[in-house]
């Protein structure tokens, strides 16, 4: 039996699983940690929190699964994309990592486009426009605003790759996560020497780049002592959380598309070619499947909007949930289900941390629009779910417009666990949605990549065929879907109508 670990370094916590070659989960463990928001639009995290959580969850999984260190054939890593870990010559962290949802780099994004010769030229170089969440503008921001730190930077790593370094002592990344740095030549699957030169970024600051199932390093003596794993255990390249999650959802051939509702929402499609869109409306990157690429749309606060509702408005549900033995989200969904589709014209904009696809606007703001005295708490709750799902549809519409093949939509994350939200997605997307037997997301995908890299399977599609099956299908409700088709253009118009107001609101914060 081949047993691998899949480790996912998320924004709110780390999850580690142990799985065998059939996809059976032998043990699972999670550990949460906080995120810091020192200024409006800023988002940072201490990388040592990730390492402590990784050590704890690995040891917990070994104990829960009654596994010996020698039982582990390999390790796959996944993690939140775009984050930046700045290390000095001794491998010590110089400052907290700037995260994927940090919005401080608007000026630096404009500078990158200017240095590249315009947006279209930049997209031709690296496959994507400059977005505030990406890694490259973070480097420029630190260089400009924290020169005393920048002068000591000798290596820049992505979140999961910092864990690889702590496990192995090796600086390495892989193409799927590196695609989100804005410094990778996506079409040719290597660092872009041209853009690095234009940005005056030393190539030596970036790690070696591998394919996702490729063995990149092995557990060191220090990593072994910390985690209990065997020295020399292989560590494969792994994947950014979205490409790894797509592997965990079986999105490894054209046709199947995933719609994942985590803190962010992601619509992800496999493509056999890198493709090109001069406007860069969808993110393009190397897939965790060697020789394949992907397009994806990212909604910054999809499930994050519902989490905000739980934290700020869900005191009753949080208090009542333990006695009923359920999650507070279930109780919130029960109340949301009391409202009618469309909530009598109430809309929610889920732009609580700005927005990426399709607006690329760090100044975008969230809010309820259309409130009347008839609206109830149930309407408020349901409209949040609908607003996040409308935002996901924005990305699906772009995928359809670009004629990317779409025959099946696989839903996962919190939006797939709720019957209400799952049906809502089918109705708003106007397409049947399905769920699969795997529920561990990026950690499961990372475990599959480790299975391939250590010889359990010959390819990623083969491994997915052996471990992933569709277990439920939710068709759209024709009448409800027609209603949402009428409401969706109104939702789309709200951002356009409010864009200038959002900019004025942001200027108030800066004053």
Protein backbone atom coordinates (compact mmCIF):
# COMPACT_ATOMS: atom_id res chain seq x y z
CA UNK A 1 0.00 0.00 0.00
CA UNK A 2 1.31 3.44 -1.01
CA UNK A 3 0.54 6.12 1.57
CA UNK A 4 1.17 9.80 0.90
CA UNK A 5 0.60 13.00 2.85
CA UNK A 6 -1.20 15.98 1.38
CA UNK A 7 -0.55 19.26 3.21
CA UNK A 8 -2.51 22.42 2.40
CA UNK A 9 -1.34 25.76 3.84
CA UNK A 10 -4.56 27.76 3.80
CA UNK A 11 -5.34 31.33 4.80
CA UNK A 12 -7.29 30.39 7.93
CA UNK A 13 -5.58 27.10 8.73
CA UNK A 14 -3.47 24.14 7.63
CA UNK A 15 -4.90 20.72 6.78
CA UNK A 16 -2.89 17.51 6.51
CA UNK A 17 -4.24 14.20 5.27
CA UNK A 18 -2.83 10.71 4.83
CA UNK A 19 -4.27 8.80 1.86
CA UNK A 20 -3.66 5.52 0.09
CA UNK A 21 -3.59 4.80 -3.65
CA UNK A 22 -7.36 4.19 -3.75
CA UNK A 23 -8.03 7.70 -2.45
CA UNK A 24 -9.09 6.46 0.98
CA UNK A 25 -8.36 8.99 3.73
CA UNK A 26 -6.54 7.22 6.56
CA UNK A 27 -6.31 10.25 8.84
CA UNK A 28 -6.86 14.00 8.74
CA UNK A 29 -5.95 16.92 10.99
CA UNK A 30 -6.36 20.69 10.88
CA UNK A 31 -4.96 23.65 12.81
CA UNK A 32 -6.23 27.24 12.59
CA UNK A 33 -4.35 30.53 12.89
CA UNK A 34 -5.16 34.24 12.61
CA UNK A 35 -4.61 36.72 9.82
CA UNK A 36 -3.52 40.34 10.38
CA UNK A 37 -5.13 43.38 8.71
CA UNK A 38 -2.88 46.29 9.79
CA UNK A 39 -4.56 48.80 7.44
CA UNK A 40 -7.66 48.78 5.22
CA UNK A 41 -6.92 46.56 2.24
CA UNK A 42 -3.79 45.05 3.81
CA UNK A 43 -3.50 41.35 4.69
CA UNK A 44 -0.47 39.72 6.33
CA UNK A 45 0.45 36.50 8.14
CA UNK A 46 3.40 35.20 10.14
CA UNK A 47 4.94 32.24 8.23
CA UNK A 48 5.93 30.61 11.51
CA UNK A 49 2.21 30.05 12.14
CA UNK A 50 2.13 27.86 9.03
CA UNK A 51 5.14 25.88 10.18
CA UNK A 52 3.78 25.30 13.69
CA UNK A 53 0.46 24.15 12.20
CA UNK A 54 2.25 21.86 9.74
CA UNK A 55 4.29 20.20 12.48
CA UNK A 56 1.23 19.74 14.68
CA UNK A 57 -0.99 18.32 11.94
CA UNK A 58 1.67 15.93 10.60
CA UNK A 59 2.25 14.51 14.06
CA UNK A 60 -1.51 14.32 14.63
CA UNK A 61 -2.09 12.45 11.36
CA UNK A 62 0.68 9.95 12.08
CA UNK A 63 -0.84 9.29 15.50
CA UNK A 64 -4.47 9.12 14.36
CA UNK A 65 -3.66 6.82 11.45
CA UNK A 66 -1.34 4.62 13.54
CA UNK A 67 1.26 5.27 10.86
CA UNK A 68 4.98 4.74 11.14
CA UNK A 69 7.35 7.25 9.51
CA UNK A 70 8.48 4.54 7.09
CA UNK A 71 4.86 4.10 5.91
CA UNK A 72 4.90 7.51 4.20
CA UNK A 73 6.00 7.16 0.58
CA UNK A 74 5.96 10.87 -0.21
CA UNK A 75 4.59 14.32 0.57
CA UNK A 76 2.60 16.74 -1.57
CA UNK A 77 2.31 20.42 -0.69
CA UNK A 78 -0.41 22.89 -1.54
CA UNK A 79 -1.08 26.39 -0.31
CA UNK A 80 -2.60 29.82 -0.70
CA UNK A 81 -1.22 31.38 -3.86
CA UNK A 82 0.53 34.73 -4.50
CA UNK A 83 1.82 35.25 -0.94
CA UNK A 84 5.39 36.45 -0.41
CA UNK A 85 7.83 35.18 2.22
CA UNK A 86 11.01 37.27 2.39
CA UNK A 87 14.09 35.46 3.73
CA UNK A 88 17.59 36.68 4.56
CA UNK A 89 20.89 34.94 3.82
CA UNK A 90 20.35 32.61 6.77
CA UNK A 91 16.84 31.64 5.70
CA UNK A 92 15.23 33.74 8.44
CA UNK A 93 11.91 35.49 7.84
CA UNK A 94 12.39 39.26 7.50
CA UNK A 95 8.76 40.38 7.81
CA UNK A 96 5.24 38.99 7.81
CA UNK A 97 4.14 37.58 4.47
CA UNK A 98 1.92 39.73 2.25
CA UNK A 99 -1.05 37.54 1.26
CA UNK A 100 -3.09 36.88 -1.88
CA UNK A 101 -5.89 39.23 -0.79
CA UNK A 102 -3.59 42.14 0.10
CA UNK A 103 -4.59 45.16 -1.99
CA UNK A 104 -1.85 47.70 -1.25
CA UNK A 105 0.02 47.43 -4.58
CA UNK A 106 -2.15 49.34 -7.04
CA UNK A 107 0.65 51.82 -7.81
CA UNK A 108 3.16 49.01 -8.28
CA UNK A 109 0.80 47.19 -10.67
CA UNK A 110 0.61 50.29 -12.84
CA UNK A 111 4.42 50.53 -12.73
CA UNK A 112 4.78 46.90 -13.85
CA UNK A 113 2.47 47.43 -16.83
CA UNK A 114 4.38 50.58 -17.78
CA UNK A 115 7.76 48.84 -17.55
CA UNK A 116 6.44 45.89 -19.57
CA UNK A 117 5.24 48.18 -22.37
CA UNK A 118 1.52 47.99 -21.66
CA UNK A 119 -1.03 45.42 -20.53
CA UNK A 120 -1.08 43.40 -23.74
CA UNK A 121 2.72 43.18 -23.81
CA UNK A 122 2.73 42.04 -20.18
CA UNK A 123 0.11 39.39 -20.86
CA UNK A 124 2.17 38.10 -23.78
CA UNK A 125 5.22 37.85 -21.49
CA UNK A 126 3.69 36.12 -18.48
CA UNK A 127 0.10 35.23 -19.39
CA UNK A 128 -1.58 37.67 -17.00
CA UNK A 129 -2.04 41.37 -16.25
CA UNK A 130 -0.64 42.88 -13.06
CA UNK A 131 -3.12 42.28 -10.24
CA UNK A 132 -2.77 43.63 -6.72
CA UNK A 133 -2.78 40.18 -5.15
CA UNK A 134 0.11 38.83 -7.24
CA UNK A 135 3.62 38.39 -5.89
CA UNK A 136 5.68 40.62 -8.21
CA UNK A 137 4.00 43.89 -7.17
CA UNK A 138 4.57 42.91 -3.53
CA UNK A 139 8.31 42.76 -4.23
CA UNK A 140 8.22 46.23 -5.73
CA UNK A 141 6.21 47.53 -2.77
CA UNK A 142 8.71 46.20 -0.21
CA UNK A 143 11.63 47.52 -2.26
CA UNK A 144 10.03 50.97 -2.36
CA UNK A 145 8.52 51.26 1.13
CA UNK A 146 10.79 49.04 3.27
CA UNK A 147 14.27 49.41 1.73
CA UNK A 148 15.98 48.33 4.96
CA UNK A 149 14.22 44.97 4.65
CA UNK A 150 14.66 44.69 0.89
CA UNK A 151 18.42 45.15 1.19
CA UNK A 152 18.56 41.95 3.24
CA UNK A 153 16.27 39.81 1.04
CA UNK A 154 18.08 36.83 -0.46
CA UNK A 155 15.14 34.53 -1.28
CA UNK A 156 11.41 34.99 -1.94
CA UNK A 157 9.13 32.00 -1.46
CA UNK A 158 5.44 31.25 -1.80
CA UNK A 159 3.64 30.01 1.34
CA UNK A 160 3.74 26.28 0.63
CA UNK A 161 7.34 26.58 -0.54
CA UNK A 162 8.34 28.07 2.79
CA UNK A 163 7.03 24.84 4.35
CA UNK A 164 9.07 22.85 1.81
CA UNK A 165 12.11 24.84 2.92
CA UNK A 166 11.43 24.13 6.59
CA UNK A 167 10.92 20.43 5.87
CA UNK A 168 13.90 19.99 3.57
CA UNK A 169 16.23 23.00 3.65
CA UNK A 170 15.66 23.34 -0.11
CA UNK A 171 14.47 26.42 -2.00
CA UNK A 172 12.06 25.18 -4.67
CA UNK A 173 8.66 25.84 -6.21
CA UNK A 174 6.60 24.44 -9.08
CA UNK A 175 4.95 25.86 -12.17
CA UNK A 176 1.31 26.03 -11.06
CA UNK A 177 1.98 28.19 -7.99
CA UNK A 178 4.74 30.16 -9.73
CA UNK A 179 2.18 31.11 -12.43
CA UNK A 180 0.53 33.36 -9.84
CA UNK A 181 3.66 35.36 -9.09
CA UNK A 182 3.47 37.31 -12.38
CA UNK A 183 7.12 36.38 -12.90
CA UNK A 184 6.66 33.05 -14.70
CA UNK A 185 6.56 32.75 -18.48
CA UNK A 186 3.38 30.65 -18.38
CA UNK A 187 3.51 29.50 -22.00
CA UNK A 188 7.06 28.16 -21.63
CA UNK A 189 6.77 27.07 -17.95
CA UNK A 190 9.89 28.91 -16.72
CA UNK A 191 10.80 32.20 -15.01
CA UNK A 192 10.49 35.17 -17.36
CA UNK A 193 13.97 36.58 -17.78
CA UNK A 194 12.56 39.45 -19.84
CA UNK A 195 10.12 40.69 -17.20
CA UNK A 196 12.57 40.16 -14.32
CA UNK A 197 15.07 42.31 -16.21
CA UNK A 198 12.51 45.06 -16.82
CA UNK A 199 11.57 45.06 -13.13
CA UNK A 200 15.21 44.93 -11.92
CA UNK A 201 14.52 41.76 -9.93
CA UNK A 202 17.47 39.41 -9.50
CA UNK A 203 16.66 35.88 -10.73
CA UNK A 204 18.70 34.56 -7.78
CA UNK A 205 15.90 35.68 -5.44
CA UNK A 206 13.60 33.04 -6.93
CA UNK A 207 13.81 29.28 -6.30
CA UNK A 208 14.24 26.44 -8.77
CA UNK A 209 10.98 25.57 -10.55
CA UNK A 210 9.65 22.01 -11.02
CA UNK A 211 6.58 20.30 -12.44
CA UNK A 212 3.93 19.53 -9.84
CA UNK A 213 4.36 15.71 -9.55
CA UNK A 214 8.15 15.95 -9.79
CA UNK A 215 10.23 15.20 -6.69
CA UNK A 216 11.75 18.53 -5.66
CA UNK A 217 13.43 17.73 -2.33
CA UNK A 218 13.49 15.30 0.59
CA UNK A 219 12.88 15.64 4.32
CA UNK A 220 16.04 16.77 6.12
CA UNK A 221 17.33 15.84 9.57
CA UNK A 222 15.84 19.07 10.94
CA UNK A 223 12.50 18.42 9.21
CA UNK A 224 12.49 14.86 10.50
CA UNK A 225 13.16 15.88 14.08
CA UNK A 226 10.36 18.47 13.99
CA UNK A 227 7.67 16.33 12.36
CA UNK A 228 8.53 12.71 13.07
CA UNK A 229 8.80 11.95 9.35
CA UNK A 230 11.62 9.81 8.04
CA UNK A 231 14.71 11.60 6.77
CA UNK A 232 14.83 11.31 2.96
CA UNK A 233 11.06 11.11 2.46
CA UNK A 234 10.40 12.58 -1.03
CA UNK A 235 8.57 15.90 -1.39
CA UNK A 236 7.00 16.55 -4.79
CA UNK A 237 6.50 19.97 -6.33
CA UNK A 238 2.85 20.09 -5.31
CA UNK A 239 0.59 22.90 -6.43
CA UNK A 240 -1.00 26.21 -5.64
CA UNK A 241 -4.24 25.64 -3.77
CA UNK A 242 -6.41 26.19 -6.84
CA UNK A 243 -4.54 23.90 -9.29
CA UNK A 244 -4.08 21.31 -6.53
CA UNK A 245 -7.74 21.63 -5.62
CA UNK A 246 -8.62 21.14 -9.29
CA UNK A 247 -6.61 17.90 -9.27
CA UNK A 248 -8.49 16.92 -6.12
CA UNK A 249 -11.74 17.58 -8.02
CA UNK A 250 -10.63 15.63 -11.09
CA UNK A 251 -10.38 18.70 -13.34
CA UNK A 252 -7.57 17.19 -15.39
CA UNK A 253 -9.16 17.05 -18.85
CA UNK A 254 -11.11 19.52 -20.97
CA UNK A 255 -14.84 19.80 -20.31
CA UNK A 256 -15.11 19.52 -16.54
CA UNK A 257 -15.02 22.84 -14.68
CA UNK A 258 -14.80 23.32 -10.92
CA UNK A 259 -16.61 25.97 -8.88
CA UNK A 260 -15.09 26.10 -5.41
CA UNK A 261 -16.46 28.21 -2.57
CA UNK A 262 -13.77 28.66 0.07
CA UNK A 263 -12.78 32.00 1.60
CA UNK A 264 -12.35 33.00 -2.01
CA UNK A 265 -14.43 31.58 -4.82
CA UNK A 266 -12.71 30.05 -7.83
CA UNK A 267 -14.01 28.88 -11.19
CA UNK A 268 -11.30 26.71 -12.75
CA UNK A 269 -11.08 25.09 -16.19
CA UNK A 270 -8.44 22.81 -17.73
CA UNK A 271 -7.05 23.87 -21.14
CA UNK A 272 -4.71 21.92 -23.42
CA UNK A 273 -2.98 25.13 -24.60
CA UNK A 274 -1.86 28.28 -22.75
CA UNK A 275 -4.15 30.49 -24.83
CA UNK A 276 -4.10 34.28 -24.97
CA UNK A 277 -6.51 37.07 -24.07
CA UNK A 278 -5.02 40.57 -24.50
CA UNK A 279 -7.27 41.90 -21.73
CA UNK A 280 -6.22 39.19 -19.27
CA UNK A 281 -9.79 38.90 -18.00
CA UNK A 282 -9.25 35.41 -16.55
CA UNK A 283 -6.09 34.27 -14.81
CA UNK A 284 -4.04 31.86 -16.89
CA UNK A 285 -1.46 29.50 -15.51
CA UNK A 286 0.32 26.19 -15.77
CA UNK A 287 -1.84 23.36 -14.49
CA UNK A 288 -0.54 20.90 -11.92
CA UNK A 289 -0.90 18.39 -14.78
CA UNK A 290 2.38 18.43 -16.73
CA UNK A 291 1.89 19.75 -20.26
CA UNK A 292 -1.47 21.38 -19.49
CA UNK A 293 -2.67 24.85 -18.56
CA UNK A 294 -5.71 26.39 -16.90
CA UNK A 295 -7.90 29.47 -16.82
CA UNK A 296 -9.58 30.61 -13.63
CA UNK A 297 -11.66 33.40 -12.24
CA UNK A 298 -11.18 34.41 -8.62
CA UNK A 299 -13.78 36.03 -6.37
CA UNK A 300 -11.99 37.37 -3.32
CA UNK A 301 -14.82 37.08 -0.76
CA UNK A 302 -17.24 34.34 -1.82
CA UNK A 303 -17.42 32.05 1.18
CA UNK A 304 -15.59 34.83 2.98
CA UNK A 305 -18.74 36.96 2.77
CA UNK A 306 -20.76 34.25 4.50
CA UNK A 307 -18.03 33.88 7.11
CA UNK A 308 -18.25 37.63 7.75
CA UNK A 309 -22.00 37.25 8.24
CA UNK A 310 -21.43 34.40 10.68
CA UNK A 311 -18.84 36.31 12.67
CA UNK A 312 -20.64 39.66 12.77
CA UNK A 313 -24.34 38.77 12.62
CA UNK A 314 -24.51 35.11 13.63
CA UNK A 315 -24.24 35.25 17.42
CA UNK A 316 -27.54 33.39 17.85
CA UNK A 317 -26.48 30.58 15.52
CA UNK A 318 -23.02 30.34 17.04
CA UNK A 319 -24.59 30.00 20.49
CA UNK A 320 -27.24 27.48 19.41
CA UNK A 321 -25.06 25.24 17.21
CA UNK A 322 -23.29 23.19 19.96
CA UNK A 323 -26.58 22.08 21.53
CA UNK A 324 -27.83 20.86 18.15
CA UNK A 325 -24.50 19.32 17.24
CA UNK A 326 -24.23 21.23 13.97
CA UNK A 327 -22.11 23.94 12.42
CA UNK A 328 -23.42 27.52 12.76
CA UNK A 329 -23.41 27.76 8.96
CA UNK A 330 -26.13 25.08 8.82
CA UNK A 331 -28.38 27.16 11.03
CA UNK A 332 -27.71 30.27 8.96
CA UNK A 333 -28.61 28.33 5.81
CA UNK A 334 -31.82 27.09 7.44
CA UNK A 335 -32.91 30.67 8.00
CA UNK A 336 -31.75 31.76 4.54
CA UNK A 337 -33.94 29.01 3.03
CA UNK A 338 -37.02 30.77 4.43
CA UNK A 339 -36.55 33.59 1.91
CA UNK A 340 -37.72 33.36 -1.69
CA UNK A 341 -35.25 33.26 -4.60
CA UNK A 342 -34.24 36.82 -5.37
CA UNK A 343 -35.24 38.08 -1.91
CA UNK A 344 -37.80 40.48 -3.41
CA UNK A 345 -35.20 42.47 -5.30
CA UNK A 346 -32.49 42.55 -2.62
CA UNK A 347 -28.92 42.20 -3.91
CA UNK A 348 -25.64 41.76 -2.04
CA UNK A 349 -22.28 42.76 -3.53
CA UNK A 350 -19.60 40.44 -2.07
CA UNK A 351 -16.69 42.84 -2.58
CA UNK A 352 -15.62 42.91 1.07
CA UNK A 353 -11.90 42.85 0.21
CA UNK A 354 -12.10 44.46 -3.22
CA UNK A 355 -12.59 42.22 -6.23
CA UNK A 356 -10.49 40.40 -8.77
CA UNK A 357 -12.48 38.74 -11.57
CA UNK A 358 -13.91 40.41 -13.57
CA UNK A 359 -13.37 43.91 -12.18
CA UNK A 360 -9.74 43.92 -10.97
CA UNK A 361 -10.69 46.65 -8.52
CA UNK A 362 -9.12 46.86 -5.04
CA UNK A 363 -11.47 49.74 -4.20
CA UNK A 364 -14.69 47.78 -4.77
CA UNK A 365 -16.90 47.61 -1.68
CA UNK A 366 -19.56 45.21 -0.46
CA UNK A 367 -23.09 46.03 0.48
CA UNK A 368 -26.80 45.29 0.37
CA UNK A 369 -28.73 47.16 -2.31
CA UNK A 370 -32.50 47.24 -2.63
CA UNK A 371 -33.50 47.10 1.04
CA UNK A 372 -37.12 47.81 1.93
CA UNK A 373 -39.10 47.56 5.15
CA UNK A 374 -40.40 44.18 3.96
CA UNK A 375 -36.98 42.56 4.06
CA UNK A 376 -36.20 40.17 6.90
CA UNK A 377 -33.06 38.64 8.32
CA UNK A 378 -33.74 35.61 6.12
CA UNK A 379 -33.60 37.84 3.05
CA UNK A 380 -30.33 39.37 4.21
CA UNK A 381 -28.77 35.93 4.64
CA UNK A 382 -30.03 34.45 1.37
CA UNK A 383 -28.96 37.51 -0.59
CA UNK A 384 -25.37 37.02 0.62
CA UNK A 385 -25.38 33.48 -0.78
CA UNK A 386 -26.92 34.71 -4.02
CA UNK A 387 -24.46 37.59 -4.34
CA UNK A 388 -21.45 35.30 -3.98
CA UNK A 389 -22.94 32.93 -6.55
CA UNK A 390 -23.67 35.73 -9.03
CA UNK A 391 -19.99 36.71 -8.66
CA UNK A 392 -18.99 33.14 -9.52
CA UNK A 393 -21.25 33.28 -12.58
CA UNK A 394 -19.26 36.31 -13.77
CA UNK A 395 -16.28 33.98 -14.25
CA UNK A 396 -18.36 31.22 -15.82
CA UNK A 397 -19.67 33.71 -18.38
CA UNK A 398 -16.10 34.67 -19.31
CA UNK A 399 -15.18 31.00 -19.69
CA UNK A 400 -18.16 30.52 -22.00
CA UNK A 401 -17.28 33.67 -23.95
CA UNK A 402 -13.73 32.41 -24.51
CA UNK A 403 -15.16 29.12 -25.78
CA UNK A 404 -13.42 26.99 -23.21
CA UNK A 405 -15.15 23.61 -23.25
CA UNK A 406 -17.73 23.27 -20.44
CA UNK A 407 -19.74 20.06 -20.11
CA UNK A 408 -19.80 19.53 -16.35
CA UNK A 409 -19.58 21.80 -13.29
CA UNK A 410 -18.17 20.20 -10.14
CA UNK A 411 -18.88 22.17 -6.97
CA UNK A 412 -16.88 21.95 -3.76
CA UNK A 413 -16.14 23.84 -0.57
CA UNK A 414 -18.79 25.27 1.73
CA UNK A 415 -21.08 26.00 -1.22
CA UNK A 416 -21.25 22.29 -2.00
CA UNK A 417 -21.98 21.08 1.54
CA UNK A 418 -25.20 23.11 1.81
CA UNK A 419 -28.22 21.71 -0.07
CA UNK A 420 -29.57 25.24 -0.38
CA UNK A 421 -26.37 26.72 -1.77
CA UNK A 422 -25.76 23.75 -4.08
CA UNK A 423 -29.23 24.14 -5.63
CA UNK A 424 -28.73 27.90 -5.82
CA UNK A 425 -25.53 27.39 -7.81
CA UNK A 426 -27.29 25.13 -10.32
CA UNK A 427 -30.06 27.70 -10.73
CA UNK A 428 -27.81 30.78 -11.01
CA UNK A 429 -25.25 29.06 -13.25
CA UNK A 430 -28.08 27.70 -15.38
CA UNK A 431 -26.39 24.30 -15.44
CA UNK A 432 -26.51 21.06 -13.49
CA UNK A 433 -23.85 20.85 -10.79
CA UNK A 434 -22.34 17.71 -9.32
CA UNK A 435 -20.28 16.67 -6.31
CA UNK A 436 -17.60 14.03 -6.02
CA UNK A 437 -16.50 11.51 -3.40
CA UNK A 438 -13.43 13.53 -2.38
CA UNK A 439 -13.98 16.40 0.05
CA UNK A 440 -10.46 17.32 1.15
CA UNK A 441 -9.82 19.79 -1.68
CA UNK A 442 -6.24 20.97 -2.21
CA UNK A 443 -4.83 18.57 0.41
CA UNK A 444 -6.32 15.65 -1.54
CA UNK A 445 -4.91 16.98 -4.79
CA UNK A 446 -1.49 17.36 -3.17
CA UNK A 447 -1.71 13.76 -1.96
CA UNK A 448 -2.54 12.61 -5.51
CA UNK A 449 0.46 14.51 -6.90
CA UNK A 450 2.65 12.76 -4.33
CA UNK A 451 1.19 9.41 -5.40
CA UNK A 452 2.20 10.14 -9.01
CA UNK A 453 5.61 11.49 -8.08
CA UNK A 454 6.52 8.45 -5.99
CA UNK A 455 5.43 5.90 -8.61
CA UNK A 456 1.92 5.00 -7.47
CA UNK A 457 0.50 6.11 -10.84
CA UNK A 458 1.99 6.96 -14.21
CA UNK A 459 0.07 10.22 -14.66
CA UNK A 460 -2.17 12.66 -12.84
CA UNK A 461 -5.27 11.81 -14.95
CA UNK A 462 -4.71 8.10 -14.25
CA UNK A 463 -4.53 8.79 -10.51
CA UNK A 464 -7.71 10.90 -10.63
CA UNK A 465 -9.58 8.21 -12.58
CA UNK A 466 -8.66 5.69 -9.87
CA UNK A 467 -9.65 7.84 -6.90
CA UNK A 468 -12.41 10.32 -7.89
CA UNK A 469 -16.06 9.57 -8.73
CA UNK A 470 -19.17 11.75 -9.16
CA UNK A 471 -21.60 10.94 -6.32
CA UNK A 472 -24.45 13.45 -6.76
CA UNK A 473 -26.03 15.62 -9.42
CA UNK A 474 -28.23 18.66 -8.84
CA UNK A 475 -30.16 19.81 -11.92
CA UNK A 476 -31.27 23.40 -12.30
CA UNK A 477 -34.90 24.29 -11.54
CA UNK A 478 -36.16 25.73 -14.80
CA UNK A 479 -38.49 28.36 -13.36
CA UNK A 480 -36.02 29.56 -10.72
CA UNK A 481 -33.18 29.58 -13.26
CA UNK A 482 -35.26 31.81 -15.55
CA UNK A 483 -35.82 34.22 -12.67
CA UNK A 484 -32.08 34.39 -11.93
CA UNK A 485 -31.38 34.96 -15.63
CA UNK A 486 -33.52 38.11 -15.41
CA UNK A 487 -31.92 39.22 -12.14
CA UNK A 488 -28.30 38.59 -13.11
CA UNK A 489 -27.96 41.57 -15.53
CA UNK A 490 -29.20 43.84 -12.73
CA UNK A 491 -26.50 42.43 -10.44
CA UNK A 492 -23.91 43.01 -13.18
CA UNK A 493 -24.99 46.66 -13.57
CA UNK A 494 -24.58 47.49 -9.88
CA UNK A 495 -20.78 47.47 -9.91
CA UNK A 496 -20.67 49.66 -13.03
CA UNK A 497 -23.09 52.14 -11.50
CA UNK A 498 -21.16 52.31 -8.21
CA UNK A 499 -17.57 52.16 -9.42
CA UNK A 500 -16.89 55.88 -9.15
CA UNK A 501 -18.49 55.96 -5.69
CA UNK A 502 -16.21 53.12 -4.58
CA UNK A 503 -13.19 55.16 -5.66
CA UNK A 504 -14.45 58.18 -3.69
CA UNK A 505 -14.99 55.98 -0.62
CA UNK A 506 -11.43 54.69 -0.88
CA UNK A 507 -10.16 58.25 -1.13
CA UNK A 508 -11.94 59.04 2.13
CA UNK A 509 -9.98 56.25 3.85
CA UNK A 510 -6.71 57.61 2.46
CA UNK A 511 -7.42 61.18 3.54
